[in-house]
Protein backbone atom coordinates (compact mmCIF):
# COMPACT_ATOMS: atom_id res chain seq x y z
CA MET A 1 162.66 93.70 138.51
CA PRO A 2 165.64 95.97 139.21
CA TYR A 3 163.35 98.61 140.74
CA ALA A 4 162.32 96.36 143.62
CA THR A 5 165.81 95.07 144.37
CA LEU A 6 167.35 98.55 144.19
CA SER A 7 164.60 99.89 146.42
CA LEU A 8 165.27 97.28 149.09
CA ASP A 9 169.03 97.82 148.79
CA ASN A 10 168.55 101.54 149.36
CA GLY A 11 166.42 101.23 152.45
CA VAL A 12 162.87 101.49 151.14
CA HIS A 13 160.71 99.68 153.67
CA ALA A 14 159.27 96.42 152.29
CA LYS A 15 155.69 97.48 153.13
CA ILE A 16 156.00 100.68 151.10
CA LEU A 17 157.58 98.79 148.22
CA SER A 18 154.94 96.06 148.29
CA ASP A 19 152.21 98.69 148.09
CA ARG A 20 153.94 100.38 145.14
CA ILE A 21 154.31 97.15 143.16
CA SER A 22 150.85 95.86 144.11
CA HIS A 23 151.77 92.93 146.32
CA THR A 24 149.18 92.03 148.93
CA HIS A 25 151.76 91.39 151.67
CA GLU A 26 155.25 92.71 152.23
CA GLY A 27 156.43 89.14 152.91
CA ILE A 28 155.81 88.31 149.27
CA THR A 29 157.98 91.24 148.19
CA VAL A 30 160.82 90.24 150.50
CA GLN A 31 160.55 86.59 149.46
CA ILE A 32 160.76 87.42 145.76
CA TYR A 33 163.21 90.32 145.75
CA GLY A 34 165.02 90.16 149.07
CA HIS A 35 167.17 87.16 148.20
CA ARG A 36 168.50 89.01 145.14
CA SER A 37 169.46 91.97 147.24
CA THR A 38 173.09 92.31 148.28
CA GLY A 39 172.99 95.82 149.70
CA HIS A 40 172.05 94.82 153.24
CA ASP A 41 174.50 91.95 153.21
CA ARG A 42 177.31 94.36 152.39
CA GLU A 43 176.15 96.75 155.12
CA ALA A 44 176.13 93.93 157.67
CA ALA A 45 179.60 92.77 156.66
CA GLU A 46 180.97 96.32 156.88
CA LEU A 47 179.40 96.83 160.32
CA ILE A 48 181.02 93.66 161.65
CA ARG A 49 184.37 94.58 160.07
CA GLN A 50 184.26 97.95 161.82
CA ARG A 51 183.45 96.33 165.16
CA LEU A 52 186.30 93.86 164.77
CA ASP A 53 188.71 96.69 163.95
CA GLU A 54 187.67 98.41 167.19
CA GLN A 55 188.62 95.41 169.33
CA PRO A 56 191.87 95.76 171.28
CA GLY A 57 194.51 93.32 170.54
């Protein structure tokens, strides 16, 4: 379901998404669609890259 993955990638909270797609618990939504998501992984990598670039040396 591209909608769910794109929603998670673009910062829609898992609880809101789970309600919209009729999951009982947000954990189910994250379990099913979170592993397919790469948006947050890219954000995390970029954040660390920026911090490393800021280091003196």
